[in-house]
């Protein structure tokens, strides 16, 4: 039930945003965000593999992936700082 409501709200928001933007521009932005999110998950996974040999655990969750997606390099530094801080 909640999934249906969520999808309807998402489609409604896309409709509202789509009126102000061209549909192609909207889908291009969504594609860029999805690509950045996939790259962020890959960075987190590689960091988890490399740092797990040193005893550091890098969390791979939606919060850290979104942080890296929207902040970029500062997001990677932020997640690294929090990881080192919590593991010591």
PDB file of N, CA and C in Angstrom:
ATOM      1  N   UNK A   1       0.823  -1.193   0.000  1.00  0.00           N
ATOM      2  CA  UNK A   1       0.000   0.000   0.000  1.00  0.00           C
ATOM      3  C   UNK A   1       0.869   1.258   0.000  1.00  0.00           C
ATOM      4  N   UNK A   2       1.905   1.252   0.897  1.00  0.00           N
ATOM      5  CA  UNK A   2       2.782   2.419   0.973  1.00  0.00           C
ATOM      6  C   UNK A   2       3.609   2.578  -0.296  1.00  0.00           C
ATOM      7  N   UNK A   3       3.935   1.477  -0.926  1.00  0.00           N
ATOM      8  CA  UNK A   3       4.705   1.545  -2.165  1.00  0.00           C
ATOM      9  C   UNK A   3       3.890   2.213  -3.271  1.00  0.00           C
ATOM     10  N   UNK A   4       2.617   1.899  -3.342  1.00  0.00           N
ATOM     11  CA  UNK A   4       1.751   2.498  -4.364  1.00  0.00           C
ATOM     12  C   UNK A   4       1.618   4.000  -4.131  1.00  0.00           C
ATOM     13  N   UNK A   5       1.453   4.387  -2.881  1.00  0.00           N
ATOM     14  CA  UNK A   5       1.338   5.806  -2.554  1.00  0.00           C
ATOM     15  C   UNK A   5       2.644   6.524  -2.870  1.00  0.00           C
ATOM     16  N   UNK A   6       3.775   5.896  -2.555  1.00  0.00           N
ATOM     17  CA  UNK A   6       5.080   6.505  -2.835  1.00  0.00           C
ATOM     18  C   UNK A   6       5.298   6.697  -4.327  1.00  0.00           C
ATOM     19  N   UNK A   7       4.947   5.693  -5.125  1.00  0.00           N
ATOM     20  CA  UNK A   7       5.109   5.798  -6.576  1.00  0.00           C
ATOM     21  C   UNK A   7       4.206   6.887  -7.135  1.00  0.00           C
ATOM     22  N   UNK A   8       2.978   6.975  -6.638  1.00  0.00           N
ATOM     23  CA  UNK A   8       2.063   8.028  -7.100  1.00  0.00           C
ATOM     24  C   UNK A   8       2.598   9.410  -6.759  1.00  0.00           C
ATOM     25  N   UNK A   9       3.133   9.576  -5.548  1.00  0.00           N
ATOM     26  CA  UNK A   9       3.694  10.869  -5.167  1.00  0.00           C
ATOM     27  C   UNK A   9       4.923  11.212  -6.006  1.00  0.00           C
ATOM     28  N   UNK A  10       5.749  10.214  -6.284  1.00  0.00           N
ATOM     29  CA  UNK A  10       6.925  10.441  -7.121  1.00  0.00           C
ATOM     30  C   UNK A  10       6.517  10.856  -8.529  1.00  0.00           C
ATOM     31  N   UNK A  11       5.534  10.181  -9.090  1.00  0.00           N
ATOM     32  CA  UNK A  11       5.052  10.557 -10.426  1.00  0.00           C
ATOM     33  C   UNK A  11       4.439  11.950 -10.428  1.00  0.00           C
ATOM     34  N   UNK A  12       3.743  12.299  -9.359  1.00  0.00           N
ATOM     35  CA  UNK A  12       3.155  13.632  -9.246  1.00  0.00           C
ATOM     36  C   UNK A  12       4.254  14.695  -9.189  1.00  0.00           C
ATOM     37  N   UNK A  13       5.310  14.435  -8.399  1.00  0.00           N
ATOM     38  CA  UNK A  13       6.415  15.384  -8.326  1.00  0.00           C
ATOM     39  C   UNK A  13       7.129  15.516  -9.666  1.00  0.00           C
ATOM     40  N   UNK A  14       7.308  14.391 -10.360  1.00  0.00           N
ATOM     41  CA  UNK A  14       7.923  14.445 -11.687  1.00  0.00           C
ATOM     42  C   UNK A  14       7.064  15.245 -12.658  1.00  0.00           C
ATOM     43  N   UNK A  15       5.757  15.127 -12.534  1.00  0.00           N
ATOM     44  CA  UNK A  15       4.855  15.880 -13.392  1.00  0.00           C
ATOM     45  C   UNK A  15       4.974  17.374 -13.126  1.00  0.00           C
ATOM     46  N   UNK A  16       5.041  17.744 -11.835  1.00  0.00           N
ATOM     47  CA  UNK A  16       5.166  19.161 -11.490  1.00  0.00           C
ATOM     48  C   UNK A  16       6.507  19.713 -11.953  1.00  0.00           C
ATOM     49  N   UNK A  17       7.585  18.969 -11.696  1.00  0.00           N
ATOM     50  CA  UNK A  17       8.909  19.419 -12.115  1.00  0.00           C
ATOM     51  C   UNK A  17       9.006  19.426 -13.636  1.00  0.00           C
ATOM     52  N   UNK A  18       8.393  18.450 -14.278  1.00  0.00           N
ATOM     53  CA  UNK A  18       8.456  18.332 -15.727  1.00  0.00           C
ATOM     54  C   UNK A  18       7.777  19.476 -16.451  1.00  0.00           C
ATOM     55  N   UNK A  19       6.814  20.102 -15.819  1.00  0.00           N
ATOM     56  CA  UNK A  19       6.156  21.245 -16.465  1.00  0.00           C
ATOM     57  C   UNK A  19       7.083  22.447 -16.541  1.00  0.00           C
ATOM     58  N   UNK A  20       7.922  22.609 -15.517  1.00  0.00           N
ATOM     59  CA  UNK A  20       8.837  23.738 -15.511  1.00  0.00           C
ATOM     60  C   UNK A  20      10.061  23.475 -16.383  1.00  0.00           C
ATOM     61  N   UNK A  21      10.475  22.230 -16.461  1.00  0.00           N
ATOM     62  CA  UNK A  21      11.616  21.849 -17.283  1.00  0.00           C
ATOM     63  C   UNK A  21      11.129  21.087 -18.500  1.00  0.00           C
ATOM     64  N   UNK A  22      11.989  20.942 -19.444  1.00  0.00           N
ATOM     65  CA  UNK A  22      11.672  20.048 -20.545  1.00  0.00           C
ATOM     66  C   UNK A  22      11.886  18.627 -20.055  1.00  0.00           C
ATOM     67  N   UNK A  23      11.101  17.681 -20.576  1.00  0.00           N
ATOM     68  CA  UNK A  23      11.193  16.298 -20.128  1.00  0.00           C
ATOM     69  C   UNK A  23      12.568  15.713 -20.381  1.00  0.00           C
ATOM     70  N   UNK A  24      13.185  16.080 -21.481  1.00  0.00           N
ATOM     71  CA  UNK A  24      14.508  15.521 -21.768  1.00  0.00           C
ATOM     72  C   UNK A  24      15.535  16.003 -20.754  1.00  0.00           C
ATOM     73  N   UNK A  25      15.433  17.270 -20.359  1.00  0.00           N
ATOM     74  CA  UNK A  25      16.359  17.801 -19.357  1.00  0.00           C
ATOM     75  C   UNK A  25      16.155  17.107 -18.017  1.00  0.00           C
ATOM     76  N   UNK A  26      14.909  16.823 -17.684  1.00  0.00           N
ATOM     77  CA  UNK A  26      14.608  16.137 -16.428  1.00  0.00           C
ATOM     78  C   UNK A  26      15.199  14.734 -16.423  1.00  0.00           C
ATOM     79  N   UNK A  27      15.008  14.003 -17.518  1.00  0.00           N
ATOM     80  CA  UNK A  27      15.523  12.647 -17.581  1.00  0.00           C
ATOM     81  C   UNK A  27      17.050  12.624 -17.651  1.00  0.00           C
ATOM     82  N   UNK A  28      17.654  13.634 -18.252  1.00  0.00           N
ATOM     83  CA  UNK A  28      19.106  13.729 -18.263  1.00  0.00           C
ATOM     84  C   UNK A  28      19.634  13.943 -16.858  1.00  0.00           C
ATOM     85  N   UNK A  29      18.985  14.801 -16.092  1.00  0.00           N
ATOM     86  CA  UNK A  29      19.410  15.031 -14.706  1.00  0.00           C
ATOM     87  C   UNK A  29      19.254  13.766 -13.869  1.00  0.00           C
ATOM     88  N   UNK A  30      18.140  13.056 -14.051  1.00  0.00           N
ATOM     89  CA  UNK A  30      17.936  11.811 -13.312  1.00  0.00           C
ATOM     90  C   UNK A  30      18.978  10.767 -13.702  1.00  0.00           C
ATOM     91  N   UNK A  31      19.333  10.714 -14.982  1.00  0.00           N
ATOM     92  CA  UNK A  31      20.347   9.762 -15.426  1.00  0.00           C
ATOM     93  C   UNK A  31      21.709  10.090 -14.825  1.00  0.00           C
ATOM     94  N   UNK A  32      22.037  11.375 -14.742  1.00  0.00           N
ATOM     95  CA  UNK A  32      23.308  11.775 -14.145  1.00  0.00           C
ATOM     96  C   UNK A  32      23.329  11.411 -12.659  1.00  0.00           C
ATOM     97  N   UNK A  33      22.221  11.640 -11.968  1.00  0.00           N
ATOM     98  CA  UNK A  33      22.157  11.300 -10.537  1.00  0.00           C
ATOM     99  C   UNK A  33      22.287   9.797 -10.332  1.00  0.00           C
ATOM    100  N   UNK A  34      21.605   8.985 -11.163  1.00  0.00           N
ATOM    101  CA  UNK A  34      21.714   7.534 -11.047  1.00  0.00           C
ATOM    102  C   UNK A  34      23.142   7.070 -11.322  1.00  0.00           C
ATOM    103  N   UNK A  35      23.805   7.675 -12.305  1.00  0.00           N
ATOM    104  CA  UNK A  35      25.179   7.309 -12.618  1.00  0.00           C
ATOM    105  C   UNK A  35      26.109   7.654 -11.457  1.00  0.00           C
ATOM    106  N   UNK A  36      25.931   8.852 -10.882  1.00  0.00           N
ATOM    107  CA  UNK A  36      26.756   9.243  -9.742  1.00  0.00           C
ATOM    108  C   UNK A  36      26.504   8.330  -8.545  1.00  0.00           C
ATOM    109  N   UNK A  37      25.248   7.925  -8.356  1.00  0.00           N
ATOM    110  CA  UNK A  37      24.921   7.027  -7.252  1.00  0.00           C
ATOM    111  C   UNK A  37      25.578   5.665  -7.446  1.00  0.00           C
ATOM    112  N   UNK A  38      25.570   5.161  -8.669  1.00  0.00           N
ATOM    113  CA  UNK A  38      26.225   3.879  -8.948  1.00  0.00           C
ATOM    114  C   UNK A  38      27.732   3.977  -8.724  1.00  0.00           C
ATOM    115  N   UNK A  39      28.325   5.084  -9.146  1.00  0.00           N
ATOM    116  CA  UNK A  39      29.760   5.274  -8.920  1.00  0.00           C
ATOM    117  C   UNK A  39      30.067   5.396  -7.429  1.00  0.00           C
ATOM    118  N   UNK A  40      29.205   6.044  -6.673  1.00  0.00           N
ATOM    119  CA  UNK A  40      29.411   6.180  -5.227  1.00  0.00           C
ATOM    120  C   UNK A  40      29.354   4.826  -4.543  1.00  0.00           C
ATOM    121  N   UNK A  41      28.436   3.973  -4.953  1.00  0.00           N
ATOM    122  CA  UNK A  41      28.355   2.628  -4.371  1.00  0.00           C
ATOM    123  C   UNK A  41      29.610   1.829  -4.706  1.00  0.00           C
ATOM    124  N   UNK A  42      30.111   1.974  -5.924  1.00  0.00           N
ATOM    125  CA  UNK A  42      31.343   1.281  -6.312  1.00  0.00           C
ATOM    126  C   UNK A  42      32.540   1.784  -5.501  1.00  0.00           C
ATOM    127  N   UNK A  43      32.623   3.087  -5.279  1.00  0.00           N
ATOM    128  CA  UNK A  43      33.706   3.651  -4.459  1.00  0.00           C
ATOM    129  C   UNK A  43      33.628   3.107  -3.041  1.00  0.00           C
ATOM    130  N   UNK A  44      32.419   3.069  -2.485  1.00  0.00           N
ATOM    131  CA  UNK A  44      32.248   2.537  -1.132  1.00  0.00           C
ATOM    132  C   UNK A  44      32.626   1.062  -1.067  1.00  0.00           C
ATOM    133  N   UNK A  45      32.257   0.296  -2.077  1.00  0.00           N
ATOM    134  CA  UNK A  45      32.561  -1.130  -2.080  1.00  0.00           C
ATOM    135  C   UNK A  45      34.068  -1.369  -2.178  1.00  0.00           C
ATOM    136  N   UNK A  46      34.732  -0.627  -3.057  1.00  0.00           N
ATOM    137  CA  UNK A  46      36.184  -0.769  -3.196  1.00  0.00           C
ATOM    138  C   UNK A  46      36.888  -0.335  -1.910  1.00  0.00           C
ATOM    139  N   UNK A  47      36.428   0.764  -1.311  1.00  0.00           N
ATOM    140  CA  UNK A  47      37.011   1.211  -0.040  1.00  0.00           C
ATOM    141  C   UNK A  47      36.786   0.169   1.054  1.00  0.00           C
ATOM    142  N   UNK A  48      35.625  -0.456   1.056  1.00  0.00           N
ATOM    143  CA  UNK A  48      35.336  -1.501   2.038  1.00  0.00           C
ATOM    144  C   UNK A  48      36.272  -2.689   1.857  1.00  0.00           C
ATOM    145  N   UNK A  49      36.499  -3.090   0.615  1.00  0.00           N
ATOM    146  CA  UNK A  49      37.404  -4.209   0.358  1.00  0.00           C
ATOM    147  C   UNK A  49      38.845  -3.897   0.763  1.00  0.00           C
ATOM    148  N   UNK A  50      39.304  -2.699   0.443  1.00  0.00           N
ATOM    149  CA  UNK A  50      40.691  -2.338   0.726  1.00  0.00           C
ATOM    150  C   UNK A  50      40.900  -2.115   2.222  1.00  0.00           C
ATOM    151  N   UNK A  51      40.004  -1.367   2.853  1.00  0.00           N
ATOM    152  CA  UNK A  51      40.203  -1.013   4.256  1.00  0.00           C
ATOM    153  C   UNK A  51      39.829  -2.124   5.227  1.00  0.00           C
ATOM    154  N   UNK A  52      39.082  -3.133   4.773  1.00  0.00           N
ATOM    155  CA  UNK A  52      38.753  -4.231   5.679  1.00  0.00           C
ATOM    156  C   UNK A  52      39.992  -5.044   6.029  1.00  0.00           C
ATOM    157  N   UNK A  53      41.019  -5.019   5.172  1.00  0.00           N
ATOM    158  CA  UNK A  53      42.268  -5.698   5.504  1.00  0.00           C
ATOM    159  C   UNK A  53      43.021  -4.965   6.607  1.00  0.00           C
ATOM    160  N   UNK A  54      42.747  -3.666   6.777  1.00  0.00           N
ATOM    161  CA  UNK A  54      43.389  -2.868   7.818  1.00  0.00           C
ATOM    162  C   UNK A  54      42.577  -2.843   9.114  1.00  0.00           C
ATOM    163  N   UNK A  55      41.410  -3.471   9.101  1.00  0.00           N
ATOM    164  CA  UNK A  55      40.567  -3.496  10.292  1.00  0.00           C
ATOM    165  C   UNK A  55      39.544  -2.371  10.347  1.00  0.00           C
ATOM    166  N   UNK A  56      39.460  -1.553   9.307  1.00  0.00           N
ATOM    167  CA  UNK A  56      38.465  -0.481   9.254  1.00  0.00           C
ATOM    168  C   UNK A  56      37.249  -0.967   8.472  1.00  0.00           C
ATOM    169  N   UNK A  57      36.077  -0.663   8.985  1.00  0.00           N
ATOM    170  CA  UNK A  57      34.852  -1.076   8.318  1.00  0.00           C
ATOM    171  C   UNK A  57      34.186   0.156   7.720  1.00  0.00           C
ATOM    172  N   UNK A  58      34.033   0.163   6.418  1.00  0.00           N
ATOM    173  CA  UNK A  58      33.364   1.260   5.717  1.00  0.00           C
ATOM    174  C   UNK A  58      31.915   0.849   5.479  1.00  0.00           C
ATOM    175  N   UNK A  59      30.974   1.604   6.029  1.00  0.00           N
ATOM    176  CA  UNK A  59      29.571   1.226   5.837  1.00  0.00           C
ATOM    177  C   UNK A  59      29.102   1.520   4.409  1.00  0.00           C
ATOM    178  N   UNK A  60      28.423   0.554   3.835  1.00  0.00           N
ATOM    179  CA  UNK A  60      27.832   0.745   2.516  1.00  0.00           C
ATOM    180  C   UNK A  60      26.327   0.819   2.739  1.00  0.00           C
ATOM    181  N   UNK A  61      25.814   2.036   2.851  1.00  0.00           N
ATOM    182  CA  UNK A  61      24.380   2.234   3.036  1.00  0.00           C
ATOM    183  C   UNK A  61      23.923   3.426   2.202  1.00  0.00           C
ATOM    184  N   UNK A  62      22.640   3.663   2.217  1.00  0.00           N
ATOM    185  CA  UNK A  62      22.074   4.707   1.356  1.00  0.00           C
ATOM    186  C   UNK A  62      22.536   6.101   1.782  1.00  0.00           C
ATOM    187  N   UNK A  63      22.745   6.308   3.091  1.00  0.00           N
ATOM    188  CA  UNK A  63      23.185   7.621   3.563  1.00  0.00           C
ATOM    189  C   UNK A  63      24.572   7.954   3.027  1.00  0.00           C
ATOM    190  N   UNK A  64      25.508   7.011   3.151  1.00  0.00           N
ATOM    191  CA  UNK A  64      26.856   7.300   2.669  1.00  0.00           C
ATOM    192  C   UNK A  64      26.895   7.389   1.151  1.00  0.00           C
ATOM    193  N   UNK A  65      26.096   6.593   0.462  1.00  0.00           N
ATOM    194  CA  UNK A  65      26.059   6.670  -1.002  1.00  0.00           C
ATOM    195  C   UNK A  65      25.492   8.013  -1.461  1.00  0.00           C
ATOM    196  N   UNK A  66      24.434   8.480  -0.826  1.00  0.00           N
ATOM    197  CA  UNK A  66      23.857   9.778  -1.203  1.00  0.00           C
ATOM    198  C   UNK A  66      24.783  10.931  -0.843  1.00  0.00           C
ATOM    199  N   UNK A  67      25.506  10.797   0.277  1.00  0.00           N
ATOM    200  CA  UNK A  67      26.460  11.836   0.656  1.00  0.00           C
ATOM    201  C   UNK A  67      27.536  11.986  -0.409  1.00  0.00           C
ATOM    202  N   UNK A  68      28.073  10.871  -0.871  1.00  0.00           N
ATOM    203  CA  UNK A  68      29.098  10.926  -1.910  1.00  0.00           C
ATOM    204  C   UNK A  68      28.498  11.386  -3.236  1.00  0.00           C
ATOM    205  N   UNK A  69      27.268  10.974  -3.528  1.00  0.00           N
ATOM    206  CA  UNK A  69      26.630  11.365  -4.785  1.00  0.00           C
ATOM    207  C   UNK A  69      26.471  12.871  -4.898  1.00  0.00           C
ATOM    208  N   UNK A  70      25.979  13.507  -3.842  1.00  0.00           N
ATOM    209  CA  UNK A  70      25.673  14.928  -3.937  1.00  0.00           C
ATOM    210  C   UNK A  70      26.845  15.834  -3.576  1.00  0.00           C
ATOM    211  N   UNK A  71      27.782  15.346  -2.750  1.00  0.00           N
ATOM    212  CA  UNK A  71      28.906  16.198  -2.361  1.00  0.00           C
ATOM    213  C   UNK A  71      30.172  15.931  -3.158  1.00  0.00           C
ATOM    214  N   UNK A  72      30.307  14.744  -3.733  1.00  0.00           N
ATOM    215  CA  UNK A  72      31.493  14.426  -4.523  1.00  0.00           C
ATOM    216  C   UNK A  72      32.703  14.154  -3.639  1.00  0.00           C
ATOM    217  N   UNK A  73      33.827  14.792  -3.955  1.00  0.00           N
ATOM    218  CA  UNK A  73      35.074  14.593  -3.210  1.00  0.00           C
ATOM    219  C   UNK A  73      34.907  14.982  -1.735  1.00  0.00           C
ATOM    220  N   UNK A  74      34.271  16.106  -1.396  1.00  0.00           N
ATOM    221  CA  UNK A  74      34.048  16.397   0.023  1.00  0.00           C
ATOM    222  C   UNK A  74      33.191  15.321   0.725  1.00  0.00           C
ATOM    223  N   UNK A  75      32.307  14.691  -0.008  1.00  0.00           N
ATOM    224  CA  UNK A  75      31.518  13.597   0.564  1.00  0.00           C
ATOM    225  C   UNK A  75      32.372  12.390   0.880  1.00  0.00           C
ATOM    226  N   UNK A  76      33.329  12.085  -0.009  1.00  0.00           N
ATOM    227  CA  UNK A  76      34.256  10.978   0.250  1.00  0.00           C
ATOM    228  C   UNK A  76      35.098  11.289   1.482  1.00  0.00           C
ATOM    229  N   UNK A  77      35.578  12.520   1.582  1.00  0.00           N
ATOM    230  CA  UNK A  77      36.358  12.914   2.756  1.00  0.00           C
ATOM    231  C   UNK A  77      35.529  12.857   4.031  1.00  0.00           C
ATOM    232  N   UNK A  78      34.282  13.252   3.948  1.00  0.00           N
ATOM    233  CA  UNK A  78      33.388  13.217   5.108  1.00  0.00           C
ATOM    234  C   UNK A  78      33.151  11.780   5.582  1.00  0.00           C
ATOM    235  N   UNK A  79      32.847  10.887   4.668  1.00  0.00           N
ATOM    236  CA  UNK A  79      32.622   9.484   5.023  1.00  0.00           C
ATOM    237  C   UNK A  79      33.906   8.863   5.567  1.00  0.00           C
ATOM    238  N   UNK A  80      35.059   9.212   4.978  1.00  0.00           N
ATOM    239  CA  UNK A  80      36.335   8.710   5.474  1.00  0.00           C
ATOM    240  C   UNK A  80      36.598   9.191   6.898  1.00  0.00           C
ATOM    241  N   UNK A  81      36.346  10.465   7.149  1.00  0.00           N
ATOM    242  CA  UNK A  81      36.551  11.026   8.484  1.00  0.00           C
ATOM    243  C   UNK A  81      35.649  10.343   9.506  1.00  0.00           C
ATOM    244  N   UNK A  82      34.401  10.173   9.177  1.00  0.00           N
ATOM    245  CA  UNK A  82      33.464   9.523  10.100  1.00  0.00           C
ATOM    246  C   UNK A  82      33.851   8.067  10.330  1.00  0.00           C
ATOM    247  N   UNK A  83      34.289   7.378   9.280  1.00  0.00           N
ATOM    248  CA  UNK A  83      34.699   5.979   9.413  1.00  0.00           C
ATOM    249  C   UNK A  83      35.896   5.832  10.331  1.00  0.00           C
ATOM    250  N   UNK A  84      36.903   6.676  10.130  1.00  0.00           N
ATOM    251  CA  UNK A  84      38.093   6.614  10.972  1.00  0.00           C
ATOM    252  C   UNK A  84      37.748   7.010  12.401  1.00  0.00           C
ATOM    253  N   UNK A  85      36.912   8.007  12.564  1.00  0.00           N
ATOM    254  CA  UNK A  85      36.534   8.470  13.890  1.00  0.00           C
ATOM    255  C   UNK A  85      35.765   7.394  14.661  1.00  0.00           C
ATOM    256  N   UNK A  86      34.864   6.698  13.994  1.00  0.00           N
ATOM    257  CA  UNK A  86      34.057   5.678  14.672  1.00  0.00           C
ATOM    258  C   UNK A  86      34.828   4.388  14.917  1.00  0.00           C
ATOM    259  N   UNK A  87      35.830   4.088  14.114  1.00  0.00           N
ATOM    260  CA  UNK A  87      36.581   2.839  14.286  1.00  0.00           C
ATOM    261  C   UNK A  87      37.722   2.965  15.295  1.00  0.00           C
ATOM    262  N   UNK A  88      38.028   4.169  15.766  1.00  0.00           N
ATOM    263  CA  UNK A  88      39.105   4.309  16.759  1.00  0.00           C
ATOM    264  C   UNK A  88      38.588   4.318  18.142  1.00  0.00           C
TER     265      UNK A  88
END
